[in-house]
Amino acid sequence: KGRFTIARDNAKSTVDLQMNSLKPEDTAVYYCTVQTYLSTYW
């Protein structure tokens, strides 16, 4: 909170994650996920 910002473009089915003030503990594999009314995708 206060460092990352999520935003989506509904017209294009895209989602972005702006990550600022990154810390070593942010090191990881980042996965995008989409939840529809039927399932969840990764």
PDB file of all heavy atoms in Angstrom:
ATOM      1  N   LYS A   1       0.835  -1.202   0.000  1.00  0.00           N
ATOM      2  CA  LYS A   1       0.000   0.000   0.000  1.00  0.00           C
ATOM      3  C   LYS A   1       0.868   1.249   0.000  1.00  0.00           C
ATOM      4  O   LYS A   1       1.841   1.353   0.745  1.00  0.00           O
ATOM      5  CB  LYS A   1      -0.921   0.011   1.217  1.00  0.00           C
ATOM      6  CG  LYS A   1      -2.094  -0.940   1.100  1.00  0.00           C
ATOM      7  CD  LYS A   1      -2.975  -0.881   2.334  1.00  0.00           C
ATOM      8  CE  LYS A   1      -4.159  -1.848   2.211  1.00  0.00           C
ATOM      9  NZ  LYS A   1      -4.991  -1.865   3.434  1.00  0.00           N
ATOM     10  N   GLY A   2       0.500   2.194  -0.852  1.00  0.00           N
ATOM     11  CA  GLY A   2       1.256   3.431  -0.960  1.00  0.00           C
ATOM     12  C   GLY A   2       2.442   3.352  -1.901  1.00  0.00           C
ATOM     13  O   GLY A   2       3.039   4.379  -2.237  1.00  0.00           O
ATOM     14  N   ARG A   3       2.785   2.139  -2.333  1.00  0.00           N
ATOM     15  CA  ARG A   3       3.925   1.986  -3.256  1.00  0.00           C
ATOM     16  C   ARG A   3       3.493   1.430  -4.612  1.00  0.00           C
ATOM     17  O   ARG A   3       4.075   1.781  -5.638  1.00  0.00           O
ATOM     18  CB  ARG A   3       4.971   1.043  -2.642  1.00  0.00           C
ATOM     19  CG  ARG A   3       5.532   1.513  -1.328  1.00  0.00           C
ATOM     20  CD  ARG A   3       6.702   0.629  -0.878  1.00  0.00           C
ATOM     21  NE  ARG A   3       6.298  -0.749  -0.629  1.00  0.00           N
ATOM     22  CZ  ARG A   3       6.833  -1.796  -1.243  1.00  0.00           C
ATOM     23  NH1 ARG A   3       7.788  -1.627  -2.148  1.00  0.00           N
ATOM     24  NH2 ARG A   3       6.427  -3.028  -0.955  1.00  0.00           N
ATOM     25  N   PHE A   4       2.499   0.562  -4.608  1.00  0.00           N
ATOM     26  CA  PHE A   4       2.033  -0.072  -5.846  1.00  0.00           C
ATOM     27  C   PHE A   4       0.662   0.481  -6.220  1.00  0.00           C
ATOM     28  O   PHE A   4      -0.154   0.809  -5.349  1.00  0.00           O
ATOM     29  CB  PHE A   4       1.898  -1.583  -5.662  1.00  0.00           C
ATOM     30  CG  PHE A   4       3.195  -2.332  -5.503  1.00  0.00           C
ATOM     31  CD1 PHE A   4       4.400  -1.676  -5.293  1.00  0.00           C
ATOM     32  CD2 PHE A   4       3.203  -3.715  -5.548  1.00  0.00           C
ATOM     33  CE1 PHE A   4       5.587  -2.369  -5.146  1.00  0.00           C
ATOM     34  CE2 PHE A   4       4.381  -4.434  -5.401  1.00  0.00           C
ATOM     35  CZ  PHE A   4       5.575  -3.754  -5.195  1.00  0.00           C
ATOM     36  N   THR A   5       0.428   0.559  -7.520  1.00  0.00           N
ATOM     37  CA  THR A   5      -0.875   1.001  -8.017  1.00  0.00           C
ATOM     38  C   THR A   5      -1.342   0.063  -9.124  1.00  0.00           C
ATOM     39  O   THR A   5      -0.598  -0.183 -10.083  1.00  0.00           O
ATOM     40  CB  THR A   5      -0.806   2.436  -8.564  1.00  0.00           C
ATOM     41  OG1 THR A   5      -0.339   3.320  -7.543  1.00  0.00           O
ATOM     42  CG2 THR A   5      -2.180   2.902  -9.027  1.00  0.00           C
ATOM     43  N   ILE A   6      -2.561  -0.433  -8.983  1.00  0.00           N
ATOM     44  CA  ILE A   6      -3.131  -1.308 -10.002  1.00  0.00           C
ATOM     45  C   ILE A   6      -4.140  -0.518 -10.827  1.00  0.00           C
ATOM     46  O   ILE A   6      -4.864   0.336 -10.297  1.00  0.00           O
ATOM     47  CB  ILE A   6      -3.796  -2.553  -9.370  1.00  0.00           C
ATOM     48  CG1 ILE A   6      -4.163  -3.572 -10.449  1.00  0.00           C
ATOM     49  CG2 ILE A   6      -4.996  -2.177  -8.517  1.00  0.00           C
ATOM     50  CD1 ILE A   6      -4.575  -4.926  -9.878  1.00  0.00           C
ATOM     51  N   ALA A   7      -4.147  -0.802 -12.127  1.00  0.00           N
ATOM     52  CA  ALA A   7      -5.083  -0.114 -13.015  1.00  0.00           C
ATOM     53  C   ALA A   7      -5.477  -1.074 -14.137  1.00  0.00           C
ATOM     54  O   ALA A   7      -4.690  -1.924 -14.528  1.00  0.00           O
ATOM     55  CB  ALA A   7      -4.455   1.147 -13.590  1.00  0.00           C
ATOM     56  N   ARG A   8      -6.684  -0.912 -14.636  1.00  0.00           N
ATOM     57  CA  ARG A   8      -7.130  -1.788 -15.714  1.00  0.00           C
ATOM     58  C   ARG A   8      -7.784  -0.974 -16.811  1.00  0.00           C
ATOM     59  O   ARG A   8      -8.310   0.119 -16.576  1.00  0.00           O
ATOM     60  CB  ARG A   8      -8.094  -2.851 -15.202  1.00  0.00           C
ATOM     61  CG  ARG A   8      -9.391  -2.321 -14.622  1.00  0.00           C
ATOM     62  CD  ARG A   8     -10.270  -3.434 -14.088  1.00  0.00           C
ATOM     63  NE  ARG A   8     -10.902  -4.185 -15.177  1.00  0.00           N
ATOM     64  CZ  ARG A   8     -11.774  -5.163 -14.968  1.00  0.00           C
ATOM     65  NH1 ARG A   8     -12.092  -5.537 -13.731  1.00  0.00           N
ATOM     66  NH2 ARG A   8     -12.326  -5.804 -15.982  1.00  0.00           N
ATOM     67  N   ASP A   9      -7.705  -1.523 -18.003  1.00  0.00           N
ATOM     68  CA  ASP A   9      -8.365  -0.940 -19.160  1.00  0.00           C
ATOM     69  C   ASP A   9      -9.463  -1.908 -19.561  1.00  0.00           C
ATOM     70  O   ASP A   9      -9.184  -2.942 -20.164  1.00  0.00           O
ATOM     71  CB  ASP A   9      -7.352  -0.731 -20.290  1.00  0.00           C
ATOM     72  CG  ASP A   9      -7.969  -0.019 -21.482  1.00  0.00           C
ATOM     73  OD1 ASP A   9      -9.201  -0.104 -21.668  1.00  0.00           O
ATOM     74  OD2 ASP A   9      -7.215   0.620 -22.223  1.00  0.00           O
ATOM     75  N   ASN A  10     -10.682  -1.587 -19.200  1.00  0.00           N
ATOM     76  CA  ASN A  10     -11.786  -2.498 -19.466  1.00  0.00           C
ATOM     77  C   ASN A  10     -11.997  -2.751 -20.947  1.00  0.00           C
ATOM     78  O   ASN A  10     -12.433  -3.822 -21.360  1.00  0.00           O
ATOM     79  CB  ASN A  10     -13.078  -1.970 -18.837  1.00  0.00           C
ATOM     80  CG  ASN A  10     -13.074  -2.120 -17.328  1.00  0.00           C
ATOM     81  OD1 ASN A  10     -12.367  -2.957 -16.782  1.00  0.00           O
ATOM     82  ND2 ASN A  10     -13.848  -1.293 -16.666  1.00  0.00           N
ATOM     83  N   ALA A  11     -11.670  -1.774 -21.748  1.00  0.00           N
ATOM     84  CA  ALA A  11     -11.885  -1.927 -23.184  1.00  0.00           C
ATOM     85  C   ALA A  11     -10.907  -2.898 -23.809  1.00  0.00           C
ATOM     86  O   ALA A  11     -11.174  -3.461 -24.872  1.00  0.00           O
ATOM     87  CB  ALA A  11     -11.792  -0.566 -23.873  1.00  0.00           C
ATOM     88  N   LYS A  12      -9.772  -3.095 -23.146  1.00  0.00           N
ATOM     89  CA  LYS A  12      -8.724  -3.928 -23.740  1.00  0.00           C
ATOM     90  C   LYS A  12      -8.426  -5.182 -22.921  1.00  0.00           C
ATOM     91  O   LYS A  12      -7.537  -5.939 -23.269  1.00  0.00           O
ATOM     92  CB  LYS A  12      -7.431  -3.122 -23.882  1.00  0.00           C
ATOM     93  CG  LYS A  12      -7.554  -1.924 -24.798  1.00  0.00           C
ATOM     94  CD  LYS A  12      -6.229  -1.183 -24.891  1.00  0.00           C
ATOM     95  CE  LYS A  12      -6.326   0.017 -25.801  1.00  0.00           C
ATOM     96  NZ  LYS A  12      -5.034   0.750 -25.884  1.00  0.00           N
ATOM     97  N   SER A  13      -9.143  -5.413 -21.836  1.00  0.00           N
ATOM     98  CA  SER A  13      -8.889  -6.568 -20.965  1.00  0.00           C
ATOM     99  C   SER A  13      -7.434  -6.615 -20.527  1.00  0.00           C
ATOM    100  O   SER A  13      -6.781  -7.669 -20.594  1.00  0.00           O
ATOM    101  CB  SER A  13      -9.262  -7.872 -21.684  1.00  0.00           C
ATOM    102  OG  SER A  13     -10.624  -7.900 -22.006  1.00  0.00           O
ATOM    103  N   THR A  14      -6.905  -5.476 -20.121  1.00  0.00           N
ATOM    104  CA  THR A  14      -5.533  -5.415 -19.626  1.00  0.00           C
ATOM    105  C   THR A  14      -5.512  -4.885 -18.200  1.00  0.00           C
ATOM    106  O   THR A  14      -6.399  -4.127 -17.792  1.00  0.00           O
ATOM    107  CB  THR A  14      -4.651  -4.510 -20.494  1.00  0.00           C
ATOM    108  OG1 THR A  14      -5.178  -3.183 -20.486  1.00  0.00           O
ATOM    109  CG2 THR A  14      -4.591  -5.014 -21.933  1.00  0.00           C
ATOM    110  N   VAL A  15      -4.484  -5.292 -17.484  1.00  0.00           N
ATOM    111  CA  VAL A  15      -4.290  -4.793 -16.131  1.00  0.00           C
ATOM    112  C   VAL A  15      -2.807  -4.530 -15.922  1.00  0.00           C
ATOM    113  O   VAL A  15      -1.963  -5.325 -16.342  1.00  0.00           O
ATOM    114  CB  VAL A  15      -4.829  -5.795 -15.079  1.00  0.00           C
ATOM    115  CG1 VAL A  15      -4.128  -7.133 -15.157  1.00  0.00           C
ATOM    116  CG2 VAL A  15      -4.748  -5.203 -13.686  1.00  0.00           C
ATOM    117  N   ASP A  16      -2.498  -3.392 -15.350  1.00  0.00           N
ATOM    118  CA  ASP A  16      -1.125  -2.987 -15.099  1.00  0.00           C
ATOM    119  C   ASP A  16      -0.877  -2.863 -13.601  1.00  0.00           C
ATOM    120  O   ASP A  16      -1.803  -2.570 -12.827  1.00  0.00           O
ATOM    121  CB  ASP A  16      -0.828  -1.640 -15.758  1.00  0.00           C
ATOM    122  CG  ASP A  16      -0.853  -1.722 -17.272  1.00  0.00           C
ATOM    123  OD1 ASP A  16      -0.773  -2.842 -17.816  1.00  0.00           O
ATOM    124  OD2 ASP A  16      -0.955  -0.659 -17.908  1.00  0.00           O
ATOM    125  N   LEU A  17       0.363  -3.064 -13.224  1.00  0.00           N
ATOM    126  CA  LEU A  17       0.776  -2.870 -11.838  1.00  0.00           C
ATOM    127  C   LEU A  17       2.016  -1.976 -11.841  1.00  0.00           C
ATOM    128  O   LEU A  17       3.078  -2.402 -12.285  1.00  0.00           O
ATOM    129  CB  LEU A  17       1.091  -4.207 -11.157  1.00  0.00           C
ATOM    130  CG  LEU A  17       1.430  -4.120  -9.678  1.00  0.00           C
ATOM    131  CD1 LEU A  17       0.187  -3.720  -8.872  1.00  0.00           C
ATOM    132  CD2 LEU A  17       1.991  -5.443  -9.174  1.00  0.00           C
ATOM    133  N   GLN A  18       1.842  -0.755 -11.379  1.00  0.00           N
ATOM    134  CA  GLN A  18       2.964   0.174 -11.244  1.00  0.00           C
ATOM    135  C   GLN A  18       3.564  -0.020  -9.865  1.00  0.00           C
ATOM    136  O   GLN A  18       2.878   0.136  -8.853  1.00  0.00           O
ATOM    137  CB  GLN A  18       2.491   1.617 -11.419  1.00  0.00           C
ATOM    138  CG  GLN A  18       3.585   2.644 -11.247  1.00  0.00           C
ATOM    139  CD  GLN A  18       4.654   2.561 -12.313  1.00  0.00           C
ATOM    140  OE1 GLN A  18       4.349   2.365 -13.489  1.00  0.00           O
ATOM    141  NE2 GLN A  18       5.913   2.669 -11.910  1.00  0.00           N
ATOM    142  N   MET A  19       4.849  -0.363  -9.838  1.00  0.00           N
ATOM    143  CA  MET A  19       5.521  -0.660  -8.578  1.00  0.00           C
ATOM    144  C   MET A  19       6.623   0.364  -8.357  1.00  0.00           C
ATOM    145  O   MET A  19       7.576   0.432  -9.141  1.00  0.00           O
ATOM    146  CB  MET A  19       6.107  -2.075  -8.610  1.00  0.00           C
ATOM    147  CG  MET A  19       5.080  -3.150  -8.942  1.00  0.00           C
ATOM    148  SD  MET A  19       5.744  -4.821  -8.833  1.00  0.00           S
ATOM    149  CE  MET A  19       6.905  -4.791 -10.196  1.00  0.00           C
ATOM    150  N   ASN A  20       6.481   1.163  -7.320  1.00  0.00           N
ATOM    151  CA  ASN A  20       7.467   2.182  -6.972  1.00  0.00           C
ATOM    152  C   ASN A  20       8.107   1.865  -5.632  1.00  0.00           C
ATOM    153  O   ASN A  20       7.592   1.050  -4.859  1.00  0.00           O
ATOM    154  CB  ASN A  20       6.791   3.556  -6.913  1.00  0.00           C
ATOM    155  CG  ASN A  20       6.188   3.976  -8.232  1.00  0.00           C
ATOM    156  OD1 ASN A  20       6.705   3.651  -9.299  1.00  0.00           O
ATOM    157  ND2 ASN A  20       5.087   4.714  -8.176  1.00  0.00           N
ATOM    158  N   SER A  21       9.209   2.508  -5.371  1.00  0.00           N
ATOM    159  CA  SER A  21       9.924   2.319  -4.092  1.00  0.00           C
ATOM    160  C   SER A  21      10.102   0.840  -3.780  1.00  0.00           C
ATOM    161  O   SER A  21       9.830   0.378  -2.666  1.00  0.00           O
ATOM    162  CB  SER A  21       9.147   3.007  -2.960  1.00  0.00           C
ATOM    163  OG  SER A  21       8.991   4.387  -3.226  1.00  0.00           O
ATOM    164  N   LEU A  22      10.585   0.120  -4.758  1.00  0.00           N
ATOM    165  CA  LEU A  22      10.722  -1.330  -4.602  1.00  0.00           C
ATOM    166  C   LEU A  22      11.756  -1.679  -3.542  1.00  0.00           C
ATOM    167  O   LEU A  22      12.762  -0.976  -3.364  1.00  0.00           O
ATOM    168  CB  LEU A  22      11.091  -1.967  -5.932  1.00  0.00           C
ATOM    169  CG  LEU A  22       9.915  -2.105  -6.908  1.00  0.00           C
ATOM    170  CD1 LEU A  22      10.395  -2.292  -8.331  1.00  0.00           C
ATOM    171  CD2 LEU A  22       9.026  -3.266  -6.491  1.00  0.00           C
ATOM    172  N   LYS A  23      11.470  -2.780  -2.848  1.00  0.00           N
ATOM    173  CA  LYS A  23      12.329  -3.266  -1.780  1.00  0.00           C
ATOM    174  C   LYS A  23      12.796  -4.684  -2.120  1.00  0.00           C
ATOM    175  O   LYS A  23      12.124  -5.401  -2.867  1.00  0.00           O
ATOM    176  CB  LYS A  23      11.545  -3.305  -0.462  1.00  0.00           C
ATOM    177  CG  LYS A  23      10.918  -1.991  -0.054  1.00  0.00           C
ATOM    178  CD  LYS A  23      10.065  -2.169   1.202  1.00  0.00           C
ATOM    179  CE  LYS A  23       9.407  -0.866   1.616  1.00  0.00           C
ATOM    180  NZ  LYS A  23       8.577  -1.026   2.828  1.00  0.00           N
ATOM    181  N   PRO A  24      13.921  -5.112  -1.559  1.00  0.00           N
ATOM    182  CA  PRO A  24      14.378  -6.481  -1.810  1.00  0.00           C
ATOM    183  C   PRO A  24      13.316  -7.523  -1.484  1.00  0.00           C
ATOM    184  O   PRO A  24      13.236  -8.564  -2.161  1.00  0.00           O
ATOM    185  CB  PRO A  24      15.596  -6.606  -0.898  1.00  0.00           C
ATOM    186  CG  PRO A  24      16.140  -5.214  -0.823  1.00  0.00           C
ATOM    187  CD  PRO A  24      14.913  -4.337  -0.790  1.00  0.00           C
ATOM    188  N   GLU A  25      12.495  -7.269  -0.487  1.00  0.00           N
ATOM    189  CA  GLU A  25      11.454  -8.230  -0.122  1.00  0.00           C
ATOM    190  C   GLU A  25      10.316  -8.299  -1.135  1.00  0.00           C
ATOM    191  O   GLU A  25       9.433  -9.141  -1.012  1.00  0.00           O
ATOM    192  CB  GLU A  25      10.894  -7.932   1.276  1.00  0.00           C
ATOM    193  CG  GLU A  25      10.474  -6.496   1.494  1.00  0.00           C
ATOM    194  CD  GLU A  25      11.564  -5.671   2.188  1.00  0.00           C
ATOM    195  OE1 GLU A  25      12.754  -5.791   1.793  1.00  0.00           O
ATOM    196  OE2 GLU A  25      11.211  -4.890   3.100  1.00  0.00           O
ATOM    197  N   ASP A  26      10.332  -7.443  -2.125  1.00  0.00           N
ATOM    198  CA  ASP A  26       9.363  -7.522  -3.220  1.00  0.00           C
ATOM    199  C   ASP A  26       9.793  -8.541  -4.278  1.00  0.00           C
ATOM    200  O   ASP A  26       9.036  -8.828  -5.209  1.00  0.00           O
ATOM    201  CB  ASP A  26       9.178  -6.161  -3.887  1.00  0.00           C
ATOM    202  CG  ASP A  26       8.533  -5.140  -2.967  1.00  0.00           C
ATOM    203  OD1 ASP A  26       7.589  -5.494  -2.238  1.00  0.00           O
ATOM    204  OD2 ASP A  26       8.985  -3.976  -2.993  1.00  0.00           O
ATOM    205  N   THR A  27      11.002  -9.054  -4.138  1.00  0.00           N
ATOM    206  CA  THR A  27      11.502 -10.044  -5.092  1.00  0.00           C
ATOM    207  C   THR A  27      10.616 -11.280  -5.092  1.00  0.00           C
ATOM    208  O   THR A  27      10.364 -11.886  -4.043  1.00  0.00           O
ATOM    209  CB  THR A  27      12.944 -10.432  -4.748  1.00  0.00           C
ATOM    210  OG1 THR A  27      13.787  -9.289  -4.917  1.00  0.00           O
ATOM    211  CG2 THR A  27      13.427 -11.562  -5.648  1.00  0.00           C
ATOM    212  N   ALA A  28      10.124 -11.636  -6.270  1.00  0.00           N
ATOM    213  CA  ALA A  28       9.210 -12.777  -6.394  1.00  0.00           C
ATOM    214  C   ALA A  28       8.854 -12.971  -7.863  1.00  0.00           C
ATOM    215  O   ALA A  28       9.175 -12.124  -8.708  1.00  0.00           O
ATOM    216  CB  ALA A  28       7.935 -12.531  -5.591  1.00  0.00           C
ATOM    217  N   VAL A  29       8.165 -14.067  -8.123  1.00  0.00           N
ATOM    218  CA  VAL A  29       7.521 -14.233  -9.420  1.00  0.00           C
ATOM    219  C   VAL A  29       6.109 -13.659  -9.287  1.00  0.00           C
ATOM    220  O   VAL A  29       5.374 -14.025  -8.370  1.00  0.00           O
ATOM    221  CB  VAL A  29       7.448 -15.710  -9.843  1.00  0.00           C
ATOM    222  CG1 VAL A  29       6.707 -15.839 -11.169  1.00  0.00           C
ATOM    223  CG2 VAL A  29       8.853 -16.297  -9.960  1.00  0.00           C
ATOM    224  N   TYR A  30       5.776 -12.759 -10.181  1.00  0.00           N
ATOM    225  CA  TYR A  30       4.478 -12.088 -10.145  1.00  0.00           C
ATOM    226  C   TYR A  30       3.557 -12.718 -11.180  1.00  0.00           C
ATOM    227  O   TYR A  30       3.931 -12.866 -12.351  1.00  0.00           O
ATOM    228  CB  TYR A  30       4.653 -10.595 -10.407  1.00  0.00           C
ATOM    229  CG  TYR A  30       5.201  -9.855  -9.212  1.00  0.00           C
ATOM    230  CD1 TYR A  30       6.515 -10.053  -8.781  1.00  0.00           C
ATOM    231  CD2 TYR A  30       4.408  -8.972  -8.488  1.00  0.00           C
ATOM    232  CE1 TYR A  30       7.019  -9.394  -7.676  1.00  0.00           C
ATOM    233  CE2 TYR A  30       4.898  -8.296  -7.376  1.00  0.00           C
ATOM    234  CZ  TYR A  30       6.202  -8.518  -6.975  1.00  0.00           C
ATOM    235  OH  TYR A  30       6.694  -7.861  -5.869  1.00  0.00           O
ATOM    236  N   TYR A  31       2.343 -13.057 -10.738  1.00  0.00           N
ATOM    237  CA  TYR A  31       1.364 -13.728 -11.590  1.00  0.00           C
ATOM    238  C   TYR A  31       0.145 -12.841 -11.807  1.00  0.00           C
ATOM    239  O   TYR A  31      -0.441 -12.327 -10.844  1.00  0.00           O
ATOM    240  CB  TYR A  31       0.908 -15.034 -10.966  1.00  0.00           C
ATOM    241  CG  TYR A  31       1.987 -16.067 -10.802  1.00  0.00           C
ATOM    242  CD1 TYR A  31       2.746 -16.128  -9.641  1.00  0.00           C
ATOM    243  CD2 TYR A  31       2.260 -16.986 -11.812  1.00  0.00           C
ATOM    244  CE1 TYR A  31       3.747 -17.072  -9.483  1.00  0.00           C
ATOM    245  CE2 TYR A  31       3.253 -17.938 -11.662  1.00  0.00           C
ATOM    246  CZ  TYR A  31       3.992 -17.973 -10.502  1.00  0.00           C
ATOM    247  OH  TYR A  31       4.983 -18.911 -10.356  1.00  0.00           O
ATOM    248  N   CYS A  32      -0.229 -12.718 -13.039  1.00  0.00           N
ATOM    249  CA  CYS A  32      -1.473 -12.046 -13.379  1.00  0.00           C
ATOM    250  C   CYS A  32      -2.625 -13.031 -13.218  1.00  0.00           C
ATOM    251  O   CYS A  32      -2.472 -14.225 -13.530  1.00  0.00           O
ATOM    252  CB  CYS A  32      -1.403 -11.547 -14.824  1.00  0.00           C
ATOM    253  SG  CYS A  32      -2.932 -10.824 -15.460  1.00  0.00           S
ATOM    254  N   THR A  33      -3.759 -12.551 -12.761  1.00  0.00           N
ATOM    255  CA  THR A  33      -4.924 -13.417 -12.619  1.00  0.00           C
ATOM    256  C   THR A  33      -6.176 -12.697 -13.097  1.00  0.00           C
ATOM    257  O   THR A  33      -6.302 -11.484 -12.922  1.00  0.00           O
ATOM    258  CB  THR A  33      -5.093 -13.886 -11.166  1.00  0.00           C
ATOM    259  OG1 THR A  33      -6.214 -14.770 -11.081  1.00  0.00           O
ATOM    260  CG2 THR A  33      -5.324 -12.725 -10.226  1.00  0.00           C
ATOM    261  N   VAL A  34      -7.048 -13.447 -13.705  1.00  0.00           N
ATOM    262  CA  VAL A  34      -8.328 -12.922 -14.173  1.00  0.00           C
ATOM    263  C   VAL A  34      -9.433 -13.833 -13.661  1.00  0.00           C
ATOM    264  O   VAL A  34      -9.367 -15.055 -13.835  1.00  0.00           O
ATOM    265  CB  VAL A  34      -8.382 -12.869 -15.708  1.00  0.00           C
ATOM    266  CG1 VAL A  34      -9.796 -12.521 -16.174  1.00  0.00           C
ATOM    267  CG2 VAL A  34      -7.385 -11.868 -16.249  1.00  0.00           C
ATOM    268  N   GLN A  35     -10.395 -13.228 -13.003  1.00  0.00           N
ATOM    269  CA  GLN A  35     -11.550 -13.982 -12.513  1.00  0.00           C
ATOM    270  C   GLN A  35     -12.754 -13.634 -13.361  1.00  0.00           C
ATOM    271  O   GLN A  35     -13.134 -12.469 -13.450  1.00  0.00           O
ATOM    272  CB  GLN A  35     -11.826 -13.666 -11.049  1.00  0.00           C
ATOM    273  CG  GLN A  35     -12.946 -14.506 -10.456  1.00  0.00           C
ATOM    274  CD  GLN A  35     -13.210 -14.194  -9.003  1.00  0.00           C
ATOM    275  OE1 GLN A  35     -12.782 -13.161  -8.487  1.00  0.00           O
ATOM    276  NE2 GLN A  35     -13.911 -15.078  -8.323  1.00  0.00           N
ATOM    277  N   THR A  36     -13.338 -14.658 -13.980  1.00  0.00           N
ATOM    278  CA  THR A  36     -14.576 -14.458 -14.719  1.00  0.00           C
ATOM    279  C   THR A  36     -15.732 -15.026 -13.905  1.00  0.00           C
ATOM    280  O   THR A  36     -15.540 -15.492 -12.784  1.00  0.00           O
ATOM    281  CB  THR A  36     -14.515 -15.157 -16.082  1.00  0.00           C
ATOM    282  OG1 THR A  36     -14.551 -16.584 -15.881  1.00  0.00           O
ATOM    283  CG2 THR A  36     -13.249 -14.792 -16.841  1.00  0.00           C
ATOM    284  N   TYR A  37     -16.896 -14.991 -14.477  1.00  0.00           N
ATOM    285  CA  TYR A  37     -18.065 -15.514 -13.770  1.00  0.00           C
ATOM    286  C   TYR A  37     -18.080 -17.045 -13.749  1.00  0.00           C
ATOM    287  O   TYR A  37     -18.889 -17.646 -13.058  1.00  0.00           O
ATOM    288  CB  TYR A  37     -19.335 -14.967 -14.415  1.00  0.00           C
ATOM    289  CG  TYR A  37     -19.490 -13.492 -14.186  1.00  0.00           C
ATOM    290  CD1 TYR A  37     -19.063 -12.564 -15.135  1.00  0.00           C
ATOM    291  CD2 TYR A  37     -20.020 -13.002 -12.994  1.00  0.00           C
ATOM    292  CE1 TYR A  37     -19.178 -11.205 -14.920  1.00  0.00           C
ATOM    293  CE2 TYR A  37     -20.144 -11.637 -12.770  1.00  0.00           C
ATOM    294  CZ  TYR A  37     -19.714 -10.746 -13.733  1.00  0.00           C
ATOM    295  OH  TYR A  37     -19.825  -9.398 -13.512  1.00  0.00           O
ATOM    296  N   LEU A  38     -17.150 -17.651 -14.477  1.00  0.00           N
ATOM    297  CA  LEU A  38     -17.107 -19.116 -14.551  1.00  0.00           C
ATOM    298  C   LEU A  38     -15.839 -19.713 -13.972  1.00  0.00           C
ATOM    299  O   LEU A  38     -15.847 -20.849 -13.490  1.00  0.00           O
ATOM    300  CB  LEU A  38     -17.273 -19.575 -16.000  1.00  0.00           C
ATOM    301  CG  LEU A  38     -18.610 -19.289 -16.660  1.00  0.00           C
ATOM    302  CD1 LEU A  38     -18.586 -19.753 -18.104  1.00  0.00           C
ATOM    303  CD2 LEU A  38     -19.743 -19.967 -15.903  1.00  0.00           C
ATOM    304  N   SER A  39     -14.724 -18.988 -14.049  1.00  0.00           N
ATOM    305  CA  SER A  39     -13.466 -19.582 -13.641  1.00  0.00           C
ATOM    306  C   SER A  39     -12.440 -18.513 -13.311  1.00  0.00           C
ATOM    307  O   SER A  39     -12.690 -17.321 -13.462  1.00  0.00           O
ATOM    308  CB  SER A  39     -12.941 -20.492 -14.764  1.00  0.00           C
ATOM    309  OG  SER A  39     -11.831 -21.237 -14.316  1.00  0.00           O
ATOM    310  N   THR A  40     -11.274 -18.981 -12.852  1.00  0.00           N
ATOM    311  CA  THR A  40     -10.139 -18.105 -12.572  1.00  0.00           C
ATOM    312  C   THR A  40      -8.957 -18.579 -13.402  1.00  0.00           C
ATOM    313  O   THR A  40      -8.679 -19.775 -13.474  1.00  0.00           O
ATOM    314  CB  THR A  40      -9.772 -18.129 -11.083  1.00  0.00           C
ATOM    315  OG1 THR A  40     -10.889 -17.666 -10.326  1.00  0.00           O
ATOM    316  CG2 THR A  40      -8.579 -17.219 -10.815  1.00  0.00           C
ATOM    317  N   TYR A  41      -8.270 -17.621 -14.018  1.00  0.00           N
ATOM    318  CA  TYR A  41      -7.155 -17.934 -14.895  1.00  0.00           C
ATOM    319  C   TYR A  41      -5.878 -17.267 -14.396  1.00  0.00           C
ATOM    320  O   TYR A  41      -5.922 -16.192 -13.787  1.00  0.00           O
ATOM    321  CB  TYR A  41      -7.462 -17.461 -16.323  1.00  0.00           C
ATOM    322  CG  TYR A  41      -8.712 -18.078 -16.886  1.00  0.00           C
ATOM    323  CD1 TYR A  41      -9.935 -17.414 -16.780  1.00  0.00           C
ATOM    324  CD2 TYR A  41      -8.686 -19.322 -17.504  1.00  0.00           C
ATOM    325  CE1 TYR A  41     -11.094 -17.980 -17.279  1.00  0.00           C
ATOM    326  CE2 TYR A  41      -9.843 -19.894 -18.012  1.00  0.00           C
ATOM    327  CZ  TYR A  41     -11.032 -19.223 -17.892  1.00  0.00           C
ATOM    328  OH  TYR A  41     -12.187 -19.790 -18.383  1.00  0.00           O
ATOM    329  N   TRP A  42      -4.753 -17.917 -14.684  1.00  0.00           N
ATOM    330  CA  TRP A  42      -3.450 -17.436 -14.222  1.00  0.00           C
ATOM    331  C   TRP A  42      -2.477 -17.324 -15.386  1.00  0.00           C
ATOM    332  O   TRP A  42      -2.492 -18.160 -16.303  1.00  0.00           O
ATOM    333  CB  TRP A  42      -2.863 -18.398 -13.190  1.00  0.00           C
ATOM    334  CG  TRP A  42      -3.664 -18.483 -11.934  1.00  0.00           C
ATOM    335  CD1 TRP A  42      -4.712 -19.308 -11.683  1.00  0.00           C
ATOM    336  CD2 TRP A  42      -3.474 -17.688 -10.756  1.00  0.00           C
ATOM    337  NE1 TRP A  42      -5.191 -19.085 -10.413  1.00  0.00           N
ATOM    338  CE2 TRP A  42      -4.457 -18.101  -9.823  1.00  0.00           C
ATOM    339  CE3 TRP A  42      -2.586 -16.679 -10.394  1.00  0.00           C
ATOM    340  CZ2 TRP A  42      -4.562 -17.529  -8.554  1.00  0.00           C
ATOM    341  CZ3 TRP A  42      -2.689 -16.115  -9.136  1.00  0.00           C
ATOM    342  CH2 TRP A  42      -3.670 -16.535  -8.234  1.00  0.00           C
TER     343      TRP A  42
END
